[in-house]
C-alpha atoms as a PDB file:
ATOM      1  CA  MET A   1      16.629   3.703   0.563  1.00  0.00           C
ATOM      2  CA  SER A   2      14.065   2.988   3.273  1.00  0.00           C
ATOM      3  CA  ARG A   3      11.915   5.853   4.498  1.00  0.00           C
ATOM      4  CA  LEU A   4      13.643   7.896   7.220  1.00  0.00           C
ATOM      5  CA  LYS A   5      12.549  10.423   9.794  1.00  0.00           C
ATOM      6  CA  SER A   6      12.861  13.958   8.425  1.00  0.00           C
ATOM      7  CA  SER A   7      15.773  14.863  10.762  1.00  0.00           C
ATOM      8  CA  GLU A   8      17.735  11.751   9.775  1.00  0.00           C
ATOM      9  CA  ARG A   9      16.979  12.285   6.080  1.00  0.00           C
ATOM     10  CA  ARG A  10      18.216  15.879   6.215  1.00  0.00           C
ATOM     11  CA  MET A  11      21.411  14.829   7.979  1.00  0.00           C
ATOM     12  CA  LYS A  12      22.043  12.175   5.327  1.00  0.00           C
ATOM     13  CA  LEU A  13      21.181  14.730   2.637  1.00  0.00           C
ATOM     14  CA  ILE A  14      23.891  17.071   3.943  1.00  0.00           C
ATOM     15  CA  LEU A  15      26.465  14.268   4.042  1.00  0.00           C
ATOM     16  CA  MET A  16      25.491  13.065   0.580  1.00  0.00           C
ATOM     17  CA  LEU A  17      25.817  16.513  -0.967  1.00  0.00           C
ATOM     18  CA  GLN A  18      29.108  17.110   0.821  1.00  0.00           C
ATOM     19  CA  ASP A  19      30.663  13.805  -0.257  1.00  0.00           C
ATOM     20  CA  SER A  20      29.266  13.605  -3.775  1.00  0.00           C
ATOM     21  CA  LYS A  21      31.782  14.141  -6.579  1.00  0.00           C
ATOM     22  CA  LYS A  22      29.007  15.654  -8.695  1.00  0.00           C
ATOM     23  CA  LYS A  23      25.953  17.740  -7.989  1.00  0.00           C
ATOM     24  CA  LEU A  24      22.599  16.007  -7.652  1.00  0.00           C
ATOM     25  CA  THR A  25      19.196  16.918  -9.053  1.00  0.00           C
ATOM     26  CA  VAL A  26      15.944  17.006  -7.090  1.00  0.00           C
ATOM     27  CA  ASP A  27      14.699  13.994  -9.043  1.00  0.00           C
ATOM     28  CA  GLU A  28      17.820  11.985  -8.162  1.00  0.00           C
ATOM     29  CA  LEU A  29      17.538  12.879  -4.476  1.00  0.00           C
ATOM     30  CA  ALA A  30      13.810  12.118  -4.351  1.00  0.00           C
ATOM     31  CA  ASP A  31      14.489   8.717  -5.898  1.00  0.00           C
ATOM     32  CA  MET A  32      17.356   7.963  -3.490  1.00  0.00           C
ATOM     33  CA  PHE A  33      15.249   8.742  -0.410  1.00  0.00           C
ATOM     34  CA  GLY A  34      11.957   7.396  -1.739  1.00  0.00           C
ATOM     35  CA  VAL A  35      10.105  10.706  -1.224  1.00  0.00           C
ATOM     36  CA  SER A  36       8.459  13.336  -3.411  1.00  0.00           C
ATOM     37  CA  ARG A  37      10.156  16.295  -5.075  1.00  0.00           C
ATOM     38  CA  ARG A  38       8.123  18.554  -2.778  1.00  0.00           C
ATOM     39  CA  THR A  39       9.648  16.848   0.291  1.00  0.00           C
ATOM     40  CA  ILE A  40      13.171  17.429  -1.024  1.00  0.00           C
ATOM     41  CA  PHE A  41      12.375  21.132  -1.614  1.00  0.00           C
ATOM     42  CA  ARG A  42      11.078  21.354   1.977  1.00  0.00           C
ATOM     43  CA  ASP A  43      14.331  19.775   3.168  1.00  0.00           C
ATOM     44  CA  PHE A  44      16.360  22.379   1.279  1.00  0.00           C
ATOM     45  CA  ASN A  45      14.293  25.160   2.850  1.00  0.00           C
ATOM     46  CA  MET A  46      14.979  23.731   6.301  1.00  0.00           C
ATOM     47  CA  LEU A  47      18.716  23.469   5.585  1.00  0.00           C
ATOM     48  CA  SER A  48      18.701  27.091   4.466  1.00  0.00           C
ATOM     49  CA  GLU A  49      17.085  28.115   7.772  1.00  0.00           C
ATOM     50  CA  ILE A  50      19.922  26.521   9.746  1.00  0.00           C
ATOM     51  CA  ASN A  51      22.541  28.190   7.501  1.00  0.00           C
ATOM     52  CA  VAL A  52      23.748  25.143   5.578  1.00  0.00           C
ATOM     53  CA  PRO A  53      25.260  26.686   2.382  1.00  0.00           C
ATOM     54  CA  VAL A  54      23.400  24.707  -0.285  1.00  0.00           C
ATOM     55  CA  THR A  55      24.360  25.682  -3.828  1.00  0.00           C
ATOM     56  CA  TRP A  56      22.382  25.231  -7.032  1.00  0.00           C
ATOM     57  CA  ASP A  57      23.228  25.237 -10.698  1.00  0.00           C
ATOM     58  CA  GLN A  58      20.503  25.025 -13.358  1.00  0.00           C
ATOM     59  CA  TYR A  59      22.588  22.634 -15.450  1.00  0.00           C
ATOM     60  CA  SER A  60      24.019  20.264 -12.825  1.00  0.00           C
ATOM     61  CA  GLY A  61      21.814  20.497  -9.726  1.00  0.00           C
ATOM     62  CA  TYR A  62      22.440  20.880  -5.990  1.00  0.00           C
ATOM     63  CA  GLY A  63      25.590  20.734  -3.900  1.00  0.00           C
ATOM     64  CA  ILE A  64      27.192  22.285  -0.818  1.00  0.00           C
ATOM     65  CA  MET A  65      29.693  25.141  -0.816  1.00  0.00           C
ATOM     66  CA  ASP A  66      33.318  23.958  -0.877  1.00  0.00           C
ATOM     67  CA  GLY A  67      34.935  24.007   2.549  1.00  0.00           C
ATOM     68  CA  TYR A  68      31.723  23.539   4.511  1.00  0.00           C
ATOM     69  CA  LYS A  69      32.103  20.928   7.241  1.00  0.00           C
ATOM     70  CA  VAL A  70      29.204  19.168   8.912  1.00  0.00           C
ATOM     71  CA  PRO A  71      29.374  19.327  12.714  1.00  0.00           C
ATOM     72  CA  PRO A  72      31.024  15.948  13.444  1.00  0.00           C
ATOM     73  CA  LEU A  73      28.812  14.693  16.273  1.00  0.00           C
ATOM     74  CA  MET A  74      25.256  14.973  14.996  1.00  0.00           C
ATOM     75  CA  PHE A  75      24.418  11.404  16.021  1.00  0.00           C
ATOM     76  CA  THR A  76      21.073   9.760  16.574  1.00  0.00           C
ATOM     77  CA  SER A  77      20.816   7.684  19.762  1.00  0.00           C
ATOM     78  CA  LYS A  78      20.953   4.489  17.679  1.00  0.00           C
ATOM     79  CA  GLU A  79      24.123   5.637  15.882  1.00  0.00           C
ATOM     80  CA  LEU A  80      25.692   6.534  19.229  1.00  0.00           C
ATOM     81  CA  ALA A  81      24.776   3.104  20.629  1.00  0.00           C
ATOM     82  CA  THR A  82      26.456   1.502  17.599  1.00  0.00           C
ATOM     83  CA  ILE A  83      29.624   3.520  18.233  1.00  0.00           C
ATOM     84  CA  MET A  84      29.643   2.513  21.910  1.00  0.00           C
ATOM     85  CA  VAL A  85      29.331  -1.183  21.073  1.00  0.00           C
ATOM     86  CA  GLY A  86      32.294  -0.798  18.707  1.00  0.00           C
ATOM     87  CA  LEU A  87      34.378   1.032  21.320  1.00  0.00           C
ATOM     88  CA  SER A  88      33.494  -1.592  23.925  1.00  0.00           C
ATOM     89  CA  PHE A  89      34.830  -4.273  21.592  1.00  0.00           C
ATOM     90  CA  VAL A  90      38.075  -2.350  21.007  1.00  0.00           C
ATOM     91  CA  LYS A  91      38.565  -1.725  24.747  1.00  0.00           C
ATOM     92  CA  SER A  92      38.305  -5.465  25.415  1.00  0.00           C
ATOM     93  CA  GLN A  93      41.274  -6.304  23.167  1.00  0.00           C
ATOM     94  CA  VAL A  94      44.761  -7.163  24.408  1.00  0.00           C
ATOM     95  CA  ASP A  95      46.592  -4.413  22.485  1.00  0.00           C
ATOM     96  CA  LYS A  96      47.062  -1.737  25.161  1.00  0.00           C
ATOM     97  CA  VAL A  97      47.802   1.050  22.656  1.00  0.00           C
ATOM     98  CA  LEU A  98      44.534   0.328  20.854  1.00  0.00           C
ATOM     99  CA  VAL A  99      42.664   0.262  24.180  1.00  0.00           C
ATOM    100  CA  GLU A 100      44.046   3.675  25.149  1.00  0.00           C
ATOM    101  CA  ASP A 101      43.185   5.095  21.718  1.00  0.00           C
ATOM    102  CA  ALA A 102      39.592   3.834  22.097  1.00  0.00           C
ATOM    103  CA  LYS A 103      39.323   5.497  25.506  1.00  0.00           C
ATOM    104  CA  GLY A 104      40.599   8.743  23.972  1.00  0.00           C
ATOM    105  CA  VAL A 105      37.972   8.629  21.213  1.00  0.00           C
ATOM    106  CA  GLU A 106      35.264   7.948  23.804  1.00  0.00           C
ATOM    107  CA  LEU A 107      36.371  10.906  25.933  1.00  0.00           C
ATOM    108  CA  LYS A 108      36.355  13.302  22.965  1.00  0.00           C
ATOM    109  CA  ILE A 109      32.856  12.231  21.932  1.00  0.00           C
ATOM    110  CA  ARG A 110      31.536  12.467  25.492  1.00  0.00           C
ATOM    111  CA  ASN A 111      32.913  15.982  26.037  1.00  0.00           C
ATOM    112  CA  ILE A 112      31.149  17.434  22.980  1.00  0.00           C
ATOM    113  CA  LEU A 113      27.755  15.730  23.190  1.00  0.00           C
ATOM    114  CA  PRO A 114      24.674  17.559  24.470  1.00  0.00           C
ATOM    115  CA  ALA A 115      23.626  16.560  28.012  1.00  0.00           C
ATOM    116  CA  GLU A 116      20.839  14.182  26.950  1.00  0.00           C
ATOM    117  CA  LEU A 117      23.057  12.146  24.627  1.00  0.00           C
ATOM    118  CA  LYS A 118      25.970  12.297  27.081  1.00  0.00           C
ATOM    119  CA  ASN A 119      23.846  10.624  29.781  1.00  0.00           C
ATOM    120  CA  PHE A 120      22.685   8.067  27.225  1.00  0.00           C
ATOM    121  CA  MET A 121      26.311   7.363  26.255  1.00  0.00           C
ATOM    122  CA  ILE A 122      27.399   6.918  29.891  1.00  0.00           C
ATOM    123  CA  SER A 123      24.565   4.489  30.602  1.00  0.00           C
ATOM    124  CA  ILE A 124      25.477   2.380  27.555  1.00  0.00           C
ATOM    125  CA  ASP A 125      29.172   2.395  28.450  1.00  0.00           C
ATOM    126  CA  ASP A 126      28.462   1.183  31.986  1.00  0.00           C
ATOM    127  CA  ARG A 127      26.143  -1.611  30.901  1.00  0.00           C
ATOM    128  CA  THR A 128      27.481  -2.873  27.567  1.00  0.00           C
ATOM    129  CA  ILE A 129      30.331  -5.387  27.747  1.00  0.00           C
ATOM    130  CA  VAL A 130      31.778  -7.055  24.661  1.00  0.00           C
ATOM    131  CA  ASP A 131      33.991 -10.113  25.197  1.00  0.00           C
ATOM    132  CA  PRO A 132      34.228  -9.942  29.034  1.00  0.00           C
ATOM    133  CA  PHE A 133      36.864 -12.691  29.269  1.00  0.00           C
ATOM    134  CA  LEU A 134      39.286 -10.598  27.232  1.00  0.00           C
ATOM    135  CA  LEU A 135      38.262  -7.351  28.956  1.00  0.00           C
ATOM    136  CA  PHE A 136      38.675  -8.566  32.523  1.00  0.00           C
ATOM    137  CA  GLY A 137      40.838 -11.653  32.197  1.00  0.00           C
ATOM    138  CA  SER A 138      43.909 -10.806  30.132  1.00  0.00           C
ATOM    139  CA  ASP A 139      46.941  -8.574  30.494  1.00  0.00           C
ATOM    140  CA  LYS A 140      47.325  -5.870  27.884  1.00  0.00           C
ATOM    141  CA  LYS A 141      50.415  -5.905  25.668  1.00  0.00           C
ATOM    142  CA  GLU A 142      52.057  -4.071  22.799  1.00  0.00           C
ATOM    143  CA  GLY A 143      50.420  -5.221  19.595  1.00  0.00           C
ATOM    144  CA  GLY A 144      52.749  -3.709  17.006  1.00  0.00           C
ATOM    145  CA  ASN A 145      52.503  -0.417  15.162  1.00  0.00           C
ATOM    146  CA  TRP A 146      49.143  -0.993  13.446  1.00  0.00           C
ATOM    147  CA  TYR A 147      48.703   2.749  12.765  1.00  0.00           C
ATOM    148  CA  LEU A 148      51.983   2.954  10.817  1.00  0.00           C
ATOM    149  CA  VAL A 149      50.859  -0.018   8.736  1.00  0.00           C
ATOM    150  CA  THR A 150      47.487   1.597   7.967  1.00  0.00           C
ATOM    151  CA  SER A 151      49.318   4.757   6.893  1.00  0.00           C
ATOM    152  CA  ALA A 152      51.462   2.772   4.465  1.00  0.00           C
ATOM    153  CA  ILE A 153      48.379   1.001   3.095  1.00  0.00           C
ATOM    154  CA  SER A 154      46.509   4.280   2.531  1.00  0.00           C
ATOM    155  CA  GLN A 155      49.518   5.868   0.803  1.00  0.00           C
ATOM    156  CA  LYS A 156      50.345   2.708  -1.214  1.00  0.00           C
ATOM    157  CA  LYS A 157      53.889   2.808   0.142  1.00  0.00           C
ATOM    158  CA  SER A 158      56.099  -0.226   0.739  1.00  0.00           C
ATOM    159  CA  LEU A 159      57.078  -1.189   4.295  1.00  0.00           C
ATOM    160  CA  GLU A 160      60.562  -2.156   5.446  1.00  0.00           C
ATOM    161  CA  PHE A 161      61.207  -3.935   8.751  1.00  0.00           C
ATOM    162  CA  TYR A 162      63.072  -6.681  10.580  1.00  0.00           C
ATOM    163  CA  TYR A 163      61.062  -9.838  11.200  1.00  0.00           C
ATOM    164  CA  LYS A 164      61.522 -12.582  13.792  1.00  0.00           C
ATOM    165  CA  SER A 165      60.297 -15.861  12.347  1.00  0.00           C
ATOM    166  CA  LYS A 166      58.607 -18.107  14.900  1.00  0.00           C
ATOM    167  CA  GLN A 167      59.635 -21.258  13.078  1.00  0.00           C
ATOM    168  CA  GLU A 168      63.289 -20.396  12.513  1.00  0.00           C
ATOM    169  CA  GLU A 169      63.794 -18.079  15.521  1.00  0.00           C
ATOM    170  CA  LYS A 170      65.995 -15.768  13.464  1.00  0.00           C
ATOM    171  CA  ILE A 171      65.626 -12.131  12.437  1.00  0.00           C
ATOM    172  CA  THR A 172      65.718 -11.128   8.777  1.00  0.00           C
ATOM    173  CA  LYS A 173      65.158  -7.870   6.933  1.00  0.00           C
ATOM    174  CA  ARG A 174      61.923  -7.772   4.949  1.00  0.00           C
ATOM    175  CA  LYS A 175      60.182  -5.508   2.464  1.00  0.00           C
ATOM    176  CA  ILE A 176      56.495  -5.828   1.611  1.00  0.00           C
ATOM    177  CA  ASP A 177      53.725  -4.038  -0.214  1.00  0.00           C
ATOM    178  CA  PRO A 178      51.038  -3.938   2.515  1.00  0.00           C
ATOM    179  CA  TYR A 179      47.501  -4.731   1.329  1.00  0.00           C
ATOM    180  CA  LEU A 180      45.439  -5.548   4.407  1.00  0.00           C
ATOM    181  CA  LEU A 181      45.559  -5.139   8.191  1.00  0.00           C
ATOM    182  CA  VAL A 182      43.800  -7.964  10.080  1.00  0.00           C
ATOM    183  CA  PHE A 183      43.153  -8.474  13.788  1.00  0.00           C
ATOM    184  CA  TYR A 184      42.944 -12.100  14.986  1.00  0.00           C
ATOM    185  CA  ARG A 185      41.525 -11.931  18.546  1.00  0.00           C
ATOM    186  CA  ASP A 186      44.859 -11.238  20.283  1.00  0.00           C
ATOM    187  CA  HIS A 187      47.269  -9.999  17.610  1.00  0.00           C
ATOM    188  CA  TRP A 188      47.526  -7.826  14.496  1.00  0.00           C
ATOM    189  CA  ASN A 189      48.645  -9.197  11.135  1.00  0.00           C
ATOM    190  CA  VAL A 190      49.514  -7.475   7.895  1.00  0.00           C
ATOM    191  CA  ILE A 191      48.950  -9.319   4.621  1.00  0.00           C
ATOM    192  CA  GLY A 192      50.895  -8.135   1.609  1.00  0.00           C
ATOM    193  CA  PHE A 193      53.259  -8.918  -1.227  1.00  0.00           C
ATOM    194  CA  SER A 194      56.638 -10.111   0.064  1.00  0.00           C
ATOM    195  CA  HIS A 195      59.565  -8.929  -2.058  1.00  0.00           C
ATOM    196  CA  LYS A 196      61.709 -11.727  -0.593  1.00  0.00           C
ATOM    197  CA  ARG A 197      59.272 -14.554  -1.350  1.00  0.00           C
ATOM    198  CA  ASP A 198      57.720 -12.971  -4.467  1.00  0.00           C
ATOM    199  CA  ALA A 199      54.306 -13.985  -3.132  1.00  0.00           C
ATOM    200  CA  ILE A 200      51.474 -12.955  -0.807  1.00  0.00           C
ATOM    201  CA  ARG A 201      52.473 -13.523   2.806  1.00  0.00           C
ATOM    202  CA  ASN A 202      51.134 -12.894   6.294  1.00  0.00           C
ATOM    203  CA  PHE A 203      53.204 -11.101   9.001  1.00  0.00           C
ATOM    204  CA  VAL A 204      52.476 -10.784  12.735  1.00  0.00           C
ATOM    205  CA  LEU A 205      52.981  -7.175  13.829  1.00  0.00           C
ATOM    206  CA  ASP A 206      54.491  -7.907  17.245  1.00  0.00           C
ATOM    207  CA  ARG A 207      57.284  -9.857  15.507  1.00  0.00           C
ATOM    208  CA  MET A 208      58.132  -6.829  13.363  1.00  0.00           C
ATOM    209  CA  SER A 209      60.706  -4.280  14.546  1.00  0.00           C
ATOM    210  CA  ASP A 210      62.214  -1.047  13.221  1.00  0.00           C
ATOM    211  CA  VAL A 211      59.216  -0.626  10.911  1.00  0.00           C
ATOM    212  CA  LYS A 212      59.580   2.163   8.344  1.00  0.00           C
ATOM    213  CA  ILE A 213      57.465   3.460   5.481  1.00  0.00           C
ATOM    214  CA  SER A 214      59.660   3.618   2.377  1.00  0.00           C
ATOM    215  CA  ASP A 215      59.532   6.290  -0.305  1.00  0.00           C
ATOM    216  CA  GLU A 216      58.661   3.632  -2.863  1.00  0.00           C
ATOM    217  CA  ASN A 217      55.082   3.500  -4.149  1.00  0.00           C
ATOM    218  CA  PHE A 218      53.534   0.218  -5.251  1.00  0.00           C
ATOM    219  CA  ASP A 219      50.713  -1.018  -7.456  1.00  0.00           C
ATOM    220  CA  PRO A 220      49.007  -4.119  -6.017  1.00  0.00           C
ATOM    221  CA  LYS A 221      50.058  -7.357  -7.695  1.00  0.00           C
ATOM    222  CA  VAL A 222      46.582  -8.803  -7.131  1.00  0.00           C
ATOM    223  CA  LYS A 223      43.054  -7.492  -6.741  1.00  0.00           C
ATOM    224  CA  ILE A 224      42.528  -6.196  -3.200  1.00  0.00           C
ATOM    225  CA  ASP A 225      39.783  -8.542  -2.064  1.00  0.00           C
ATOM    226  CA  ALA A 226      39.781  -8.861   1.745  1.00  0.00           C
ATOM    227  CA  GLU A 227      38.300 -12.358   1.961  1.00  0.00           C
ATOM    228  CA  ALA A 228      40.495 -13.725  -0.820  1.00  0.00           C
ATOM    229  CA  LEU A 229      43.651 -12.204   0.682  1.00  0.00           C
ATOM    230  CA  ILE A 230      42.962 -13.506   4.184  1.00  0.00           C
ATOM    231  CA  PHE A 231      42.377 -17.063   3.066  1.00  0.00           C
ATOM    232  CA  SER A 232      44.878 -17.173   0.196  1.00  0.00           C
ATOM    233  CA  SER A 233      47.632 -16.260   2.667  1.00  0.00           C
ATOM    234  CA  ASN A 234      47.260 -19.853   3.909  1.00  0.00           C
ATOM    235  CA  GLU A 235      47.191 -21.480   0.452  1.00  0.00           C
ATOM    236  CA  SER A 236      50.909 -22.152   0.606  1.00  0.00           C
ATOM    237  CA  GLY A 237      50.440 -23.926   3.940  1.00  0.00           C
ATOM    238  CA  GLN A 238      50.203 -27.624   4.650  1.00  0.00           C
ATOM    239  CA  LYS A 239      47.085 -29.678   4.126  1.00  0.00           C
ATOM    240  CA  VAL A 240      45.478 -30.542   7.450  1.00  0.00           C
ATOM    241  CA  GLY A 241      42.792 -33.150   8.089  1.00  0.00           C
ATOM    242  CA  VAL A 242      40.869 -33.503  11.359  1.00  0.00           C
ATOM    243  CA  VAL A 243      37.806 -35.338  12.576  1.00  0.00           C
ATOM    244  CA  ILE A 244      35.629 -33.260  14.870  1.00  0.00           C
ATOM    245  CA  ASP A 245      32.775 -34.173  17.160  1.00  0.00           C
ATOM    246  CA  LYS A 246      29.482 -32.712  15.954  1.00  0.00           C
ATOM    247  CA  SER A 247      28.967 -31.107  19.384  1.00  0.00           C
ATOM    248  CA  ILE A 248      31.785 -28.612  18.682  1.00  0.00           C
ATOM    249  CA  ASP A 249      31.060 -28.062  14.996  1.00  0.00           C
ATOM    250  CA  ARG A 250      29.602 -24.585  15.438  1.00  0.00           C
ATOM    251  CA  ALA A 251      32.376 -23.311  17.742  1.00  0.00           C
ATOM    252  CA  PHE A 252      35.052 -24.850  15.502  1.00  0.00           C
ATOM    253  CA  ARG A 253      33.770 -23.153  12.354  1.00  0.00           C
ATOM    254  CA  ALA A 254      33.092 -19.799  14.031  1.00  0.00           C
ATOM    255  CA  ASN A 255      36.702 -19.401  15.204  1.00  0.00           C
ATOM    256  CA  LEU A 256      38.662 -21.389  12.627  1.00  0.00           C
ATOM    257  CA  PRO A 257      41.553 -19.153  11.422  1.00  0.00           C
ATOM    258  CA  THR A 258      41.335 -20.347   7.811  1.00  0.00           C
ATOM    259  CA  LYS A 259      38.861 -21.614   5.237  1.00  0.00           C
ATOM    260  CA  ILE A 260      37.454 -25.143   5.050  1.00  0.00           C
ATOM    261  CA  ILE A 261      38.454 -26.899   1.802  1.00  0.00           C
ATOM    262  CA  LYS A 262      36.368 -30.041   2.229  1.00  0.00           C
ATOM    263  CA  ASN A 263      33.679 -31.109   4.670  1.00  0.00           C
ATOM    264  CA  GLU A 264      32.496 -34.731   4.995  1.00  0.00           C
ATOM    265  CA  GLN A 265      29.844 -36.141   7.345  1.00  0.00           C
ATOM    266  CA  LEU A 266      31.245 -39.489   8.554  1.00  0.00           C
ATOM    267  CA  ASN A 267      28.299 -40.447  10.748  1.00  0.00           C
ATOM    268  CA  SER A 268      25.718 -38.847  13.028  1.00  0.00           C
ATOM    269  CA  LYS A 269      28.413 -37.723  15.482  1.00  0.00           C
ATOM    270  CA  LYS A 270      31.618 -37.194  13.487  1.00  0.00           C
ATOM    271  CA  ILE A 271      32.643 -34.759  10.699  1.00  0.00           C
ATOM    272  CA  LYS A 272      35.867 -34.859   8.679  1.00  0.00           C
ATOM    273  CA  VAL A 273      37.258 -31.414   7.846  1.00  0.00           C
ATOM    274  CA  SER A 274      40.123 -30.545   5.479  1.00  0.00           C
ATOM    275  CA  ILE A 275      41.949 -27.176   5.559  1.00  0.00           C
ATOM    276  CA  ARG A 276      45.273 -25.557   4.664  1.00  0.00           C
ATOM    277  CA  PHE A 277      47.338 -23.627   7.193  1.00  0.00           C
ATOM    278  CA  ASP A 278      50.796 -22.037   7.104  1.00  0.00           C
ATOM    279  CA  ASN A 279      51.551 -22.010  10.862  1.00  0.00           C
ATOM    280  CA  ILE A 280      51.289 -25.545  12.230  1.00  0.00           C
ATOM    281  CA  GLU A 281      52.581 -24.556  15.697  1.00  0.00           C
ATOM    282  CA  PHE A 282      49.804 -22.002  16.117  1.00  0.00           C
ATOM    283  CA  LEU A 283      47.177 -24.401  14.785  1.00  0.00           C
ATOM    284  CA  ASN A 284      48.322 -27.093  17.228  1.00  0.00           C
ATOM    285  CA  GLU A 285      47.796 -24.779  20.199  1.00  0.00           C
ATOM    286  CA  TRP A 286      44.492 -23.538  18.797  1.00  0.00           C
ATOM    287  CA  LEU A 287      43.127 -27.080  18.404  1.00  0.00           C
ATOM    288  CA  LEU A 288      43.929 -27.882  22.020  1.00  0.00           C
ATOM    289  CA  GLN A 289      40.920 -25.849  23.217  1.00  0.00           C
ATOM    290  CA  PHE A 290      38.635 -28.593  21.882  1.00  0.00           C
ATOM    291  CA  GLY A 291      40.252 -31.353  23.949  1.00  0.00           C
ATOM    292  CA  ASP A 292      39.345 -34.914  22.937  1.00  0.00           C
ATOM    293  CA  LYS A 293      36.577 -33.681  20.621  1.00  0.00           C
ATOM    294  CA  ILE A 294      39.166 -33.500  17.804  1.00  0.00           C
ATOM    295  CA  GLU A 295      41.327 -36.190  16.173  1.00  0.00           C
ATOM    296  CA  VAL A 296      44.183 -35.078  13.903  1.00  0.00           C
ATOM    297  CA  LEU A 297      44.516 -37.250  10.784  1.00  0.00           C
ATOM    298  CA  TYR A 298      47.394 -35.477   9.020  1.00  0.00           C
ATOM    299  CA  PRO A 299      50.039 -34.123   8.553  1.00  0.00           C
ATOM    300  CA  ASN A 300      52.414 -36.193  10.694  1.00  0.00           C
ATOM    301  CA  GLU A 301      54.149 -32.988  11.817  1.00  0.00           C
ATOM    302  CA  LEU A 302      50.929 -31.787  13.462  1.00  0.00           C
ATOM    303  CA  ILE A 303      50.276 -35.210  15.060  1.00  0.00           C
ATOM    304  CA  LYS A 304      53.795 -35.212  16.568  1.00  0.00           C
ATOM    305  CA  LEU A 305      53.451 -31.610  17.790  1.00  0.00           C
ATOM    306  CA  ARG A 306      50.121 -32.435  19.410  1.00  0.00           C
ATOM    307  CA  LYS A 307      51.600 -35.510  21.126  1.00  0.00           C
ATOM    308  CA  ARG A 308      54.645 -33.574  22.386  1.00  0.00           C
ATOM    309  CA  LEU A 309      52.501 -30.759  23.737  1.00  0.00           C
ATOM    310  CA  LEU A 310      50.204 -33.155  25.595  1.00  0.00           C
ATOM    311  CA  GLU A 311      53.170 -35.078  27.008  1.00  0.00           C
ATOM    312  CA  LYS A 312      54.732 -31.836  28.215  1.00  0.00           C
ATOM    313  CA  MET A 313      51.487 -30.831  29.918  1.00  0.00           C
ATOM    314  CA  LEU A 314      51.286 -34.236  31.652  1.00  0.00           C
ATOM    315  CA  ARG A 315      54.900 -33.961  32.876  1.00  0.00           C
ATOM    316  CA  GLU A 316      54.277 -30.481  34.264  1.00  0.00           C
ATOM    317  CA  MET A 317      51.207 -31.775  36.106  1.00  0.00           C
ATOM    318  CA  GLY A 318      53.172 -34.261  38.058  1.00  0.00           C
END
């Protein structure tokens, strides 16, 4: 651990002792913080002076008395700035429930901070904007009950709900073991094990209704690896091949909603990219943002969808 200011080190020391499942020795703490044993003893003396109930056992080491809670808002200015950037990002999203929750968190923090940090927080809030086009340019909407999904994930409980499929436009009853909650710019998704399909599947929260946490516990069928789950949810999708102009390569890769399988440099200006995706309609609309900088090679379904969409746009123009 890099060398910290004494105030920051003592704050981290309190949190470490409070969260540790076992007591820690002076030697262990000195090694963790990269300081001397004498410095750790000085830290303990300081904690004692501010009435932090540090405990000690000659056989196991130091800890903190059970039940002691650290005051929740002992932030440094840098930590507070980090929180404000995060809240600014959340407030820019289209999910109006999430936006209101972020504003509530911000208000609670602001009301408890000392005057100096409160003024600092206000100045950051007024002058830090994350994703202004979403913040100022889009209507807020219901994004689905993301909190209920997180509760089911934390409890390892199955979820039951009715789902409206975009492809089939029909509503069916579903049951899943939820593994991961993912936010894709303008909508929430839950990735989990589908009892109906007997496989990992991806579900859009705003297409789910009558969502309930069941009494049934589950053990994950696969290792909970966020990156693997996000990208494997598209493995059952169709193979897609496109040729992109090198001028959009960076923007294409940064926002691509899946993983690139193969990448081939055709010439100094063109790159062939192969992917898999399970929602061709969504991908068709997503690709449109790049205009004529993209050529779809396959599948035929995507080529036809792209042609129909462009023809519809031309008809509506005149």
